[in-house]
Amino acid sequence: MIDWSRVAELREEIGAEDFSEVVEIFLEEVEGEIDALRGDGVQNDLEGKLHFLKGSALNLGFKEFSDLCQTGETAAAAGQTEKIDLPATVASFDRSKTEFLSGVERLSVA
């Protein structure tokens, strides 16, 4: 679900203090988009939203979530939005976030 080697690499590249700030910004931005996906009705620019989420997720090692965003982005680009499982994508983010926040604390101690 989480690519911990990517998380550790990013933390090492930018330093522990900046890493915490990046995580905070990531969660704020992504949760804003996730809230929009949780809503009912037709999604405006679903392909663009999923592309943004995919890239953000990859940066912080949210592998499963990123993969689901990629699948959805590809379907949206092909005009096949009915094939996109938004509830599963949102649920993956929720699980990934929980695992990440729990695991990143252990990473910070190491």
PDB file of N, CA and C in Angstrom:
ATOM      1  N   MET A   1       0.827  -1.196   0.000  1.00  0.00           N
ATOM      2  CA  MET A   1       0.000   0.000   0.000  1.00  0.00           C
ATOM      3  C   MET A   1       0.871   1.260   0.000  1.00  0.00           C
ATOM      4  N   ILE A   2       1.889   1.284   0.864  1.00  0.00           N
ATOM      5  CA  ILE A   2       2.810   2.429   0.940  1.00  0.00           C
ATOM      6  C   ILE A   2       4.199   1.962   0.497  1.00  0.00           C
ATOM      7  N   ASP A   3       4.825   2.729  -0.342  1.00  0.00           N
ATOM      8  CA  ASP A   3       6.199   2.464  -0.764  1.00  0.00           C
ATOM      9  C   ASP A   3       7.119   3.164   0.239  1.00  0.00           C
ATOM     10  N   TRP A   4       7.464   2.441   1.304  1.00  0.00           N
ATOM     11  CA  TRP A   4       8.238   3.045   2.393  1.00  0.00           C
ATOM     12  C   TRP A   4       9.637   3.451   1.961  1.00  0.00           C
ATOM     13  N   SER A   5      10.196   2.783   0.960  1.00  0.00           N
ATOM     14  CA  SER A   5      11.519   3.200   0.482  1.00  0.00           C
ATOM     15  C   SER A   5      11.427   4.583  -0.154  1.00  0.00           C
ATOM     16  N   ARG A   6      10.333   4.858  -0.845  1.00  0.00           N
ATOM     17  CA  ARG A   6      10.129   6.205  -1.432  1.00  0.00           C
ATOM     18  C   ARG A   6       9.959   7.246  -0.339  1.00  0.00           C
ATOM     19  N   VAL A   7       9.221   6.907   0.698  1.00  0.00           N
ATOM     20  CA  VAL A   7       9.013   7.826   1.813  1.00  0.00           C
ATOM     21  C   VAL A   7      10.352   8.156   2.475  1.00  0.00           C
ATOM     22  N   ALA A   8      11.145   7.127   2.748  1.00  0.00           N
ATOM     23  CA  ALA A   8      12.447   7.333   3.388  1.00  0.00           C
ATOM     24  C   ALA A   8      13.372   8.148   2.494  1.00  0.00           C
ATOM     25  N   GLU A   9      13.339   7.878   1.197  1.00  0.00           N
ATOM     26  CA  GLU A   9      14.162   8.617   0.231  1.00  0.00           C
ATOM     27  C   GLU A   9      13.786  10.099   0.226  1.00  0.00           C
ATOM     28  N   LEU A  10      12.498  10.382   0.179  1.00  0.00           N
ATOM     29  CA  LEU A  10      12.043  11.770   0.175  1.00  0.00           C
ATOM     30  C   LEU A  10      12.445  12.471   1.467  1.00  0.00           C
ATOM     31  N   ARG A  11      12.250  11.798   2.589  1.00  0.00           N
ATOM     32  CA  ARG A  11      12.604  12.388   3.887  1.00  0.00           C
ATOM     33  C   ARG A  11      14.099  12.700   3.945  1.00  0.00           C
ATOM     34  N   GLU A  12      14.904  11.809   3.417  1.00  0.00           N
ATOM     35  CA  GLU A  12      16.351  12.022   3.408  1.00  0.00           C
ATOM     36  C   GLU A  12      16.729  13.172   2.477  1.00  0.00           C
ATOM     37  N   GLU A  13      16.063  13.253   1.324  1.00  0.00           N
ATOM     38  CA  GLU A  13      16.365  14.292   0.343  1.00  0.00           C
ATOM     39  C   GLU A  13      16.072  15.693   0.864  1.00  0.00           C
ATOM     40  N   ILE A  14      14.959  15.850   1.569  1.00  0.00           N
ATOM     41  CA  ILE A  14      14.549  17.203   1.962  1.00  0.00           C
ATOM     42  C   ILE A  14      14.746  17.513   3.438  1.00  0.00           C
ATOM     43  N   GLY A  15      15.087  16.503   4.231  1.00  0.00           N
ATOM     44  CA  GLY A  15      15.303  16.724   5.656  1.00  0.00           C
ATOM     45  C   GLY A  15      14.022  16.539   6.454  1.00  0.00           C
ATOM     46  N   ALA A  16      14.180  16.189   7.714  1.00  0.00           N
ATOM     47  CA  ALA A  16      13.036  15.850   8.565  1.00  0.00           C
ATOM     48  C   ALA A  16      12.070  17.010   8.745  1.00  0.00           C
ATOM     49  N   GLU A  17      12.584  18.215   8.964  1.00  0.00           N
ATOM     50  CA  GLU A  17      11.704  19.364   9.205  1.00  0.00           C
ATOM     51  C   GLU A  17      10.885  19.700   7.964  1.00  0.00           C
ATOM     52  N   ASP A  18      11.544  19.787   6.815  1.00  0.00           N
ATOM     53  CA  ASP A  18      10.829  20.085   5.576  1.00  0.00           C
ATOM     54  C   ASP A  18       9.897  18.943   5.184  1.00  0.00           C
ATOM     55  N   PHE A  19      10.280  17.722   5.520  1.00  0.00           N
ATOM     56  CA  PHE A  19       9.441  16.572   5.219  1.00  0.00           C
ATOM     57  C   PHE A  19       8.088  16.701   5.924  1.00  0.00           C
ATOM     58  N   SER A  20       8.109  17.074   7.174  1.00  0.00           N
ATOM     59  CA  SER A  20       6.858  17.251   7.926  1.00  0.00           C
ATOM     60  C   SER A  20       5.975  18.295   7.264  1.00  0.00           C
ATOM     61  N   GLU A  21       6.582  19.353   6.778  1.00  0.00           N
ATOM     62  CA  GLU A  21       5.835  20.414   6.095  1.00  0.00           C
ATOM     63  C   GLU A  21       5.248  19.906   4.772  1.00  0.00           C
ATOM     64  N   VAL A  22       6.028  19.126   4.037  1.00  0.00           N
ATOM     65  CA  VAL A  22       5.560  18.560   2.770  1.00  0.00           C
ATOM     66  C   VAL A  22       4.374  17.632   3.024  1.00  0.00           C
ATOM     67  N   VAL A  23       4.460  16.812   4.064  1.00  0.00           N
ATOM     68  CA  VAL A  23       3.365  15.903   4.403  1.00  0.00           C
ATOM     69  C   VAL A  23       2.108  16.698   4.725  1.00  0.00           C
ATOM     70  N   GLU A  24       2.247  17.751   5.500  1.00  0.00           N
ATOM     71  CA  GLU A  24       1.099  18.580   5.871  1.00  0.00           C
ATOM     72  C   GLU A  24       0.442  19.199   4.635  1.00  0.00           C
ATOM     73  N   ILE A  25       1.251  19.746   3.741  1.00  0.00           N
ATOM     74  CA  ILE A  25       0.730  20.362   2.512  1.00  0.00           C
ATOM     75  C   ILE A  25       0.074  19.307   1.632  1.00  0.00           C
ATOM     76  N   PHE A  26       0.735  18.165   1.497  1.00  0.00           N
ATOM     77  CA  PHE A  26       0.188  17.069   0.700  1.00  0.00           C
ATOM     78  C   PHE A  26      -1.194  16.679   1.201  1.00  0.00           C
ATOM     79  N   LEU A  27      -1.305  16.452   2.500  1.00  0.00           N
ATOM     80  CA  LEU A  27      -2.588  16.012   3.054  1.00  0.00           C
ATOM     81  C   LEU A  27      -3.673  17.071   2.864  1.00  0.00           C
ATOM     82  N   GLU A  28      -3.339  18.331   3.055  1.00  0.00           N
ATOM     83  CA  GLU A  28      -4.318  19.404   2.849  1.00  0.00           C
ATOM     84  C   GLU A  28      -4.827  19.417   1.409  1.00  0.00           C
ATOM     85  N   GLU A  29      -3.899  19.407   0.463  1.00  0.00           N
ATOM     86  CA  GLU A  29      -4.272  19.504  -0.949  1.00  0.00           C
ATOM     87  C   GLU A  29      -5.031  18.272  -1.423  1.00  0.00           C
ATOM     88  N   VAL A  30      -4.537  17.116  -1.050  1.00  0.00           N
ATOM     89  CA  VAL A  30      -5.166  15.876  -1.507  1.00  0.00           C
ATOM     90  C   VAL A  30      -6.532  15.701  -0.851  1.00  0.00           C
ATOM     91  N   GLU A  31      -6.647  16.008   0.420  1.00  0.00           N
ATOM     92  CA  GLU A  31      -7.939  15.859   1.083  1.00  0.00           C
ATOM     93  C   GLU A  31      -8.991  16.795   0.482  1.00  0.00           C
ATOM     94  N   GLY A  32      -8.579  17.951   0.004  1.00  0.00           N
ATOM     95  CA  GLY A  32      -9.511  18.837  -0.684  1.00  0.00           C
ATOM     96  C   GLY A  32     -10.073  18.183  -1.937  1.00  0.00           C
ATOM     97  N   GLU A  33      -9.211  17.545  -2.696  1.00  0.00           N
ATOM     98  CA  GLU A  33      -9.660  16.847  -3.911  1.00  0.00           C
ATOM     99  C   GLU A  33     -10.469  15.598  -3.558  1.00  0.00           C
ATOM    100  N   ILE A  34     -10.058  14.902  -2.527  1.00  0.00           N
ATOM    101  CA  ILE A  34     -10.792  13.702  -2.092  1.00  0.00           C
ATOM    102  C   ILE A  34     -12.202  14.089  -1.660  1.00  0.00           C
ATOM    103  N   ASP A  35     -12.330  15.195  -0.940  1.00  0.00           N
ATOM    104  CA  ASP A  35     -13.661  15.658  -0.532  1.00  0.00           C
ATOM    105  C   ASP A  35     -14.549  15.900  -1.746  1.00  0.00           C
ATOM    106  N   ALA A  36     -13.963  16.450  -2.809  1.00  0.00           N
ATOM    107  CA  ALA A  36     -14.728  16.677  -4.042  1.00  0.00           C
ATOM    108  C   ALA A  36     -15.149  15.340  -4.655  1.00  0.00           C
ATOM    109  N   LEU A  37     -14.284  14.333  -4.583  1.00  0.00           N
ATOM    110  CA  LEU A  37     -14.629  13.021  -5.139  1.00  0.00           C
ATOM    111  C   LEU A  37     -15.686  12.309  -4.302  1.00  0.00           C
ATOM    112  N   ARG A  38     -15.743  12.627  -3.018  1.00  0.00           N
ATOM    113  CA  ARG A  38     -16.751  12.009  -2.144  1.00  0.00           C
ATOM    114  C   ARG A  38     -18.152  12.529  -2.469  1.00  0.00           C
ATOM    115  N   GLY A  39     -18.240  13.713  -3.055  1.00  0.00           N
ATOM    116  CA  GLY A  39     -19.527  14.331  -3.362  1.00  0.00           C
ATOM    117  C   GLY A  39     -20.275  13.564  -4.442  1.00  0.00           C
ATOM    118  N   ASP A  40     -21.535  13.845  -4.531  1.00  0.00           N
ATOM    119  CA  ASP A  40     -22.380  13.199  -5.540  1.00  0.00           C
ATOM    120  C   ASP A  40     -22.364  14.007  -6.829  1.00  0.00           C
ATOM    121  N   GLY A  41     -22.832  13.384  -7.885  1.00  0.00           N
ATOM    122  CA  GLY A  41     -22.981  14.088  -9.146  1.00  0.00           C
ATOM    123  C   GLY A  41     -21.792  13.890 -10.066  1.00  0.00           C
ATOM    124  N   VAL A  42     -21.892  14.481 -11.228  1.00  0.00           N
ATOM    125  CA  VAL A  42     -20.850  14.372 -12.254  1.00  0.00           C
ATOM    126  C   VAL A  42     -19.648  15.204 -11.829  1.00  0.00           C
ATOM    127  N   GLN A  43     -18.492  14.634 -11.992  1.00  0.00           N
ATOM    128  CA  GLN A  43     -17.253  15.303 -11.622  1.00  0.00           C
ATOM    129  C   GLN A  43     -16.744  16.162 -12.774  1.00  0.00           C
ATOM    130  N   ASN A  44     -16.438  17.420 -12.484  1.00  0.00           N
ATOM    131  CA  ASN A  44     -15.804  18.280 -13.473  1.00  0.00           C
ATOM    132  C   ASN A  44     -14.332  17.941 -13.533  1.00  0.00           C
ATOM    133  N   ASP A  45     -13.800  17.815 -14.722  1.00  0.00           N
ATOM    134  CA  ASP A  45     -12.388  17.533 -14.952  1.00  0.00           C
ATOM    135  C   ASP A  45     -11.902  16.362 -14.100  1.00  0.00           C
ATOM    136  N   LEU A  46     -12.636  15.275 -14.132  1.00  0.00           N
ATOM    137  CA  LEU A  46     -12.262  14.090 -13.356  1.00  0.00           C
ATOM    138  C   LEU A  46     -10.881  13.586 -13.758  1.00  0.00           C
ATOM    139  N   GLU A  47     -10.597  13.616 -15.041  1.00  0.00           N
ATOM    140  CA  GLU A  47      -9.276  13.174 -15.509  1.00  0.00           C
ATOM    141  C   GLU A  47      -8.167  14.020 -14.873  1.00  0.00           C
ATOM    142  N   GLY A  48      -8.335  15.339 -14.861  1.00  0.00           N
ATOM    143  CA  GLY A  48      -7.337  16.228 -14.271  1.00  0.00           C
ATOM    144  C   GLY A  48      -7.181  16.026 -12.773  1.00  0.00           C
ATOM    145  N   LYS A  49      -8.301  15.830 -12.085  1.00  0.00           N
ATOM    146  CA  LYS A  49      -8.240  15.597 -10.633  1.00  0.00           C
ATOM    147  C   LYS A  49      -7.497  14.306 -10.320  1.00  0.00           C
ATOM    148  N   LEU A  50      -7.810  13.255 -11.063  1.00  0.00           N
ATOM    149  CA  LEU A  50      -7.147  11.975 -10.827  1.00  0.00           C
ATOM    150  C   LEU A  50      -5.669  12.045 -11.193  1.00  0.00           C
ATOM    151  N   HIS A  51      -5.335  12.818 -12.222  1.00  0.00           N
ATOM    152  CA  HIS A  51      -3.924  13.006 -12.588  1.00  0.00           C
ATOM    153  C   HIS A  51      -3.171  13.702 -11.453  1.00  0.00           C
ATOM    154  N   PHE A  52      -3.753  14.764 -10.925  1.00  0.00           N
ATOM    155  CA  PHE A  52      -3.142  15.477  -9.801  1.00  0.00           C
ATOM    156  C   PHE A  52      -2.957  14.548  -8.603  1.00  0.00           C
ATOM    157  N   LEU A  53      -3.992  13.806  -8.269  1.00  0.00           N
ATOM    158  CA  LEU A  53      -3.925  12.898  -7.123  1.00  0.00           C
ATOM    159  C   LEU A  53      -2.877  11.814  -7.339  1.00  0.00           C
ATOM    160  N   LYS A  54      -2.800  11.295  -8.556  1.00  0.00           N
ATOM    161  CA  LYS A  54      -1.806  10.259  -8.871  1.00  0.00           C
ATOM    162  C   LYS A  54      -0.399  10.775  -8.627  1.00  0.00           C
ATOM    163  N   GLY A  55      -0.095  11.945  -9.152  1.00  0.00           N
ATOM    164  CA  GLY A  55       1.243  12.503  -8.986  1.00  0.00           C
ATOM    165  C   GLY A  55       1.567  12.809  -7.539  1.00  0.00           C
ATOM    166  N   SER A  56       0.623  13.375  -6.839  1.00  0.00           N
ATOM    167  CA  SER A  56       0.829  13.681  -5.421  1.00  0.00           C
ATOM    168  C   SER A  56       1.060  12.402  -4.634  1.00  0.00           C
ATOM    169  N   ALA A  57       0.260  11.397  -4.925  1.00  0.00           N
ATOM    170  CA  ALA A  57       0.371  10.129  -4.215  1.00  0.00           C
ATOM    171  C   ALA A  57       1.722   9.464  -4.464  1.00  0.00           C
ATOM    172  N   LEU A  58       2.189   9.510  -5.686  1.00  0.00           N
ATOM    173  CA  LEU A  58       3.491   8.909  -6.004  1.00  0.00           C
ATOM    174  C   LEU A  58       4.617   9.578  -5.234  1.00  0.00           C
ATOM    175  N   ASN A  59       4.539  10.888  -5.088  1.00  0.00           N
ATOM    176  CA  ASN A  59       5.587  11.613  -4.380  1.00  0.00           C
ATOM    177  C   ASN A  59       5.744  11.150  -2.947  1.00  0.00           C
ATOM    178  N   LEU A  60       4.645  10.768  -2.304  1.00  0.00           N
ATOM    179  CA  LEU A  60       4.711  10.348  -0.907  1.00  0.00           C
ATOM    180  C   LEU A  60       4.556   8.845  -0.728  1.00  0.00           C
ATOM    181  N   GLY A  61       4.666   8.101  -1.795  1.00  0.00           N
ATOM    182  CA  GLY A  61       4.693   6.648  -1.680  1.00  0.00           C
ATOM    183  C   GLY A  61       3.343   5.972  -1.517  1.00  0.00           C
ATOM    184  N   PHE A  62       2.248   6.654  -1.809  1.00  0.00           N
ATOM    185  CA  PHE A  62       0.913   6.055  -1.711  1.00  0.00           C
ATOM    186  C   PHE A  62       0.688   5.199  -2.962  1.00  0.00           C
ATOM    187  N   LYS A  63       1.316   4.051  -3.041  1.00  0.00           N
ATOM    188  CA  LYS A  63       1.368   3.221  -4.242  1.00  0.00           C
ATOM    189  C   LYS A  63      -0.006   2.742  -4.700  1.00  0.00           C
ATOM    190  N   GLU A  64      -0.742   2.084  -3.822  1.00  0.00           N
ATOM    191  CA  GLU A  64      -2.049   1.545  -4.217  1.00  0.00           C
ATOM    192  C   GLU A  64      -2.997   2.658  -4.673  1.00  0.00           C
ATOM    193  N   PHE A  65      -3.047   3.721  -3.909  1.00  0.00           N
ATOM    194  CA  PHE A  65      -3.907   4.848  -4.240  1.00  0.00           C
ATOM    195  C   PHE A  65      -3.508   5.442  -5.588  1.00  0.00           C
ATOM    196  N   SER A  66      -2.222   5.602  -5.811  1.00  0.00           N
ATOM    197  CA  SER A  66      -1.732   6.137  -7.079  1.00  0.00           C
ATOM    198  C   SER A  66      -2.137   5.243  -8.245  1.00  0.00           C
ATOM    199  N   ASP A  67      -2.031   3.932  -8.056  1.00  0.00           N
ATOM    200  CA  ASP A  67      -2.415   2.994  -9.111  1.00  0.00           C
ATOM    201  C   ASP A  67      -3.902   3.134  -9.463  1.00  0.00           C
ATOM    202  N   LEU A  68      -4.744   3.276  -8.437  1.00  0.00           N
ATOM    203  CA  LEU A  68      -6.178   3.440  -8.686  1.00  0.00           C
ATOM    204  C   LEU A  68      -6.464   4.764  -9.400  1.00  0.00           C
ATOM    205  N   CYS A  69      -5.734   5.804  -9.020  1.00  0.00           N
ATOM    206  CA  CYS A  69      -5.895   7.092  -9.706  1.00  0.00           C
ATOM    207  C   CYS A  69      -5.486   6.978 -11.166  1.00  0.00           C
ATOM    208  N   GLN A  70      -4.404   6.249 -11.439  1.00  0.00           N
ATOM    209  CA  GLN A  70      -3.955   6.040 -12.821  1.00  0.00           C
ATOM    210  C   GLN A  70      -5.012   5.319 -13.630  1.00  0.00           C
ATOM    211  N   THR A  71      -5.582   4.276 -13.056  1.00  0.00           N
ATOM    212  CA  THR A  71      -6.633   3.522 -13.741  1.00  0.00           C
ATOM    213  C   THR A  71      -7.826   4.426 -14.045  1.00  0.00           C
ATOM    214  N   GLY A  72      -8.216   5.228 -13.059  1.00  0.00           N
ATOM    215  CA  GLY A  72      -9.335   6.148 -13.252  1.00  0.00           C
ATOM    216  C   GLY A  72      -9.028   7.225 -14.268  1.00  0.00           C
ATOM    217  N   GLU A  73      -7.814   7.745 -14.221  1.00  0.00           N
ATOM    218  CA  GLU A  73      -7.403   8.788 -15.171  1.00  0.00           C
ATOM    219  C   GLU A  73      -7.465   8.253 -16.599  1.00  0.00           C
ATOM    220  N   THR A  74      -6.979   7.042 -16.785  1.00  0.00           N
ATOM    221  CA  THR A  74      -6.993   6.425 -18.114  1.00  0.00           C
ATOM    222  C   THR A  74      -8.429   6.226 -18.601  1.00  0.00           C
ATOM    223  N   ALA A  75      -9.299   5.762 -17.713  1.00  0.00           N
ATOM    224  CA  ALA A  75     -10.709   5.570 -18.076  1.00  0.00           C
ATOM    225  C   ALA A  75     -11.369   6.901 -18.413  1.00  0.00           C
ATOM    226  N   ALA A  76     -11.088   7.925 -17.618  1.00  0.00           N
ATOM    227  CA  ALA A  76     -11.670   9.251 -17.875  1.00  0.00           C
ATOM    228  C   ALA A  76     -11.195   9.796 -19.210  1.00  0.00           C
ATOM    229  N   ALA A  77      -9.927   9.603 -19.521  1.00  0.00           N
ATOM    230  CA  ALA A  77      -9.382  10.083 -20.793  1.00  0.00           C
ATOM    231  C   ALA A  77     -10.057   9.391 -21.978  1.00  0.00           C
ATOM    232  N   ALA A  78     -10.478   8.149 -21.765  1.00  0.00           N
ATOM    233  CA  ALA A  78     -11.137   7.392 -22.819  1.00  0.00           C
ATOM    234  C   ALA A  78     -12.651   7.618 -22.834  1.00  0.00           C
ATOM    235  N   GLY A  79     -13.120   8.509 -21.953  1.00  0.00           N
ATOM    236  CA  GLY A  79     -14.550   8.783 -21.885  1.00  0.00           C
ATOM    237  C   GLY A  79     -15.350   7.672 -21.224  1.00  0.00           C
ATOM    238  N   GLN A  80     -14.679   6.855 -20.432  1.00  0.00           N
ATOM    239  CA  GLN A  80     -15.331   5.712 -19.789  1.00  0.00           C
ATOM    240  C   GLN A  80     -15.435   5.923 -18.276  1.00  0.00           C
ATOM    241  N   THR A  81     -15.989   7.054 -17.898  1.00  0.00           N
ATOM    242  CA  THR A  81     -16.062   7.390 -16.470  1.00  0.00           C
ATOM    243  C   THR A  81     -16.902   6.397 -15.678  1.00  0.00           C
ATOM    244  N   GLU A  82     -17.797   5.683 -16.347  1.00  0.00           N
ATOM    245  CA  GLU A  82     -18.609   4.694 -15.637  1.00  0.00           C
ATOM    246  C   GLU A  82     -17.766   3.535 -15.114  1.00  0.00           C
ATOM    247  N   LYS A  83     -16.567   3.368 -15.642  1.00  0.00           N
ATOM    248  CA  LYS A  83     -15.665   2.300 -15.194  1.00  0.00           C
ATOM    249  C   LYS A  83     -14.818   2.706 -13.999  1.00  0.00           C
ATOM    250  N   ILE A  84     -14.904   3.956 -13.589  1.00  0.00           N
ATOM    251  CA  ILE A  84     -14.090   4.455 -12.477  1.00  0.00           C
ATOM    252  C   ILE A  84     -14.794   4.146 -11.165  1.00  0.00           C
ATOM    253  N   ASP A  85     -14.096   3.467 -10.282  1.00  0.00           N
ATOM    254  CA  ASP A  85     -14.651   3.130  -8.971  1.00  0.00           C
ATOM    255  C   ASP A  85     -14.167   4.173  -7.958  1.00  0.00           C
ATOM    256  N   LEU A  86     -14.861   5.310  -7.923  1.00  0.00           N
ATOM    257  CA  LEU A  86     -14.462   6.385  -7.006  1.00  0.00           C
ATOM    258  C   LEU A  86     -14.537   5.964  -5.546  1.00  0.00           C
ATOM    259  N   PRO A  87     -15.569   5.226  -5.116  1.00  0.00           N
ATOM    260  CA  PRO A  87     -15.581   4.804  -3.710  1.00  0.00           C
ATOM    261  C   PRO A  87     -14.357   3.967  -3.337  1.00  0.00           C
ATOM    262  N   ALA A  88     -13.916   3.089  -4.218  1.00  0.00           N
ATOM    263  CA  ALA A  88     -12.727   2.278  -3.940  1.00  0.00           C
ATOM    264  C   ALA A  88     -11.473   3.147  -3.917  1.00  0.00           C
ATOM    265  N   THR A  89     -11.411   4.131  -4.793  1.00  0.00           N
ATOM    266  CA  THR A  89     -10.258   5.033  -4.840  1.00  0.00           C
ATOM    267  C   THR A  89     -10.186   5.860  -3.563  1.00  0.00           C
ATOM    268  N   VAL A  90     -11.315   6.395  -3.143  1.00  0.00           N
ATOM    269  CA  VAL A  90     -11.362   7.192  -1.907  1.00  0.00           C
ATOM    270  C   VAL A  90     -11.036   6.317  -0.693  1.00  0.00           C
ATOM    271  N   ALA A  91     -11.571   5.105  -0.668  1.00  0.00           N
ATOM    272  CA  ALA A  91     -11.287   4.184   0.442  1.00  0.00           C
ATOM    273  C   ALA A  91      -9.803   3.841   0.496  1.00  0.00           C
ATOM    274  N   SER A  92      -9.186   3.691  -0.663  1.00  0.00           N
ATOM    275  CA  SER A  92      -7.748   3.417  -0.706  1.00  0.00           C
ATOM    276  C   SER A  92      -6.963   4.582  -0.121  1.00  0.00           C
ATOM    277  N   PHE A  93      -7.386   5.808  -0.441  1.00  0.00           N
ATOM    278  CA  PHE A  93      -6.718   6.972   0.151  1.00  0.00           C
ATOM    279  C   PHE A  93      -6.854   6.943   1.666  1.00  0.00           C
ATOM    280  N   ASP A  94      -8.049   6.679   2.157  1.00  0.00           N
ATOM    281  CA  ASP A  94      -8.277   6.656   3.604  1.00  0.00           C
ATOM    282  C   ASP A  94      -7.393   5.617   4.288  1.00  0.00           C
ATOM    283  N   ARG A  95      -7.327   4.410   3.719  1.00  0.00           N
ATOM    284  CA  ARG A  95      -6.471   3.350   4.292  1.00  0.00           C
ATOM    285  C   ARG A  95      -4.998   3.735   4.202  1.00  0.00           C
ATOM    286  N   SER A  96      -4.612   4.281   3.056  1.00  0.00           N
ATOM    287  CA  SER A  96      -3.210   4.675   2.859  1.00  0.00           C
ATOM    288  C   SER A  96      -2.806   5.769   3.838  1.00  0.00           C
ATOM    289  N   LYS A  97      -3.678   6.735   4.030  1.00  0.00           N
ATOM    290  CA  LYS A  97      -3.391   7.829   4.953  1.00  0.00           C
ATOM    291  C   LYS A  97      -3.201   7.293   6.367  1.00  0.00           C
ATOM    292  N   THR A  98      -4.086   6.397   6.787  1.00  0.00           N
ATOM    293  CA  THR A  98      -3.975   5.809   8.125  1.00  0.00           C
ATOM    294  C   THR A  98      -2.661   5.053   8.280  1.00  0.00           C
ATOM    295  N   GLU A  99      -2.342   4.215   7.298  1.00  0.00           N
ATOM    296  CA  GLU A  99      -1.090   3.454   7.349  1.00  0.00           C
ATOM    297  C   GLU A  99       0.120   4.387   7.317  1.00  0.00           C
ATOM    298  N   PHE A 100       0.054   5.394   6.461  1.00  0.00           N
ATOM    299  CA  PHE A 100       1.164   6.331   6.330  1.00  0.00           C
ATOM    300  C   PHE A 100       1.420   7.071   7.643  1.00  0.00           C
ATOM    301  N   LEU A 101       0.376   7.635   8.215  1.00  0.00           N
ATOM    302  CA  LEU A 101       0.544   8.423   9.452  1.00  0.00           C
ATOM    303  C   LEU A 101       1.055   7.559  10.586  1.00  0.00           C
ATOM    304  N   SER A 102       0.623   6.326  10.638  1.00  0.00           N
ATOM    305  CA  SER A 102       1.109   5.407  11.671  1.00  0.00           C
ATOM    306  C   SER A 102       2.575   5.045  11.413  1.00  0.00           C
ATOM    307  N   GLY A 103       2.887   4.725  10.183  1.00  0.00           N
ATOM    308  CA  GLY A 103       4.241   4.296   9.835  1.00  0.00           C
ATOM    309  C   GLY A 103       5.257   5.410   9.806  1.00  0.00           C
ATOM    310  N   VAL A 104       4.844   6.607   9.436  1.00  0.00           N
ATOM    311  CA  VAL A 104       5.791   7.718   9.341  1.00  0.00           C
ATOM    312  C   VAL A 104       6.298   8.105  10.723  1.00  0.00           C
ATOM    313  N   GLU A 105       5.491   7.890  11.741  1.00  0.00           N
ATOM    314  CA  GLU A 105       5.955   8.159  13.107  1.00  0.00           C
ATOM    315  C   GLU A 105       7.100   7.207  13.467  1.00  0.00           C
ATOM    316  N   ARG A 106       6.965   5.950  13.069  1.00  0.00           N
ATOM    317  CA  ARG A 106       8.047   4.978  13.328  1.00  0.00           C
ATOM    318  C   ARG A 106       9.291   5.355  12.524  1.00  0.00           C
ATOM    319  N   LEU A 107       9.091   5.827  11.305  1.00  0.00           N
ATOM    320  CA  LEU A 107      10.212   6.235  10.451  1.00  0.00           C
ATOM    321  C   LEU A 107      10.951   7.407  11.082  1.00  0.00           C
ATOM    322  N   SER A 108      10.204   8.331  11.688  1.00  0.00           N
ATOM    323  CA  SER A 108      10.811   9.507  12.307  1.00  0.00           C
ATOM    324  C   SER A 108      11.672   9.127  13.505  1.00  0.00           C
ATOM    325  N   VAL A 109      11.293   8.063  14.200  1.00  0.00           N
ATOM    326  CA  VAL A 109      12.041   7.613  15.374  1.00  0.00           C
ATOM    327  C   VAL A 109      13.323   6.901  14.955  1.00  0.00           C
ATOM    328  N   ALA A 110      13.279   6.230  13.826  1.00  0.00           N
ATOM    329  CA  ALA A 110      14.431   5.438  13.350  1.00  0.00           C
ATOM    330  C   ALA A 110      15.616   6.309  12.992  1.00  0.00           C
TER     331      ALA A 110
END
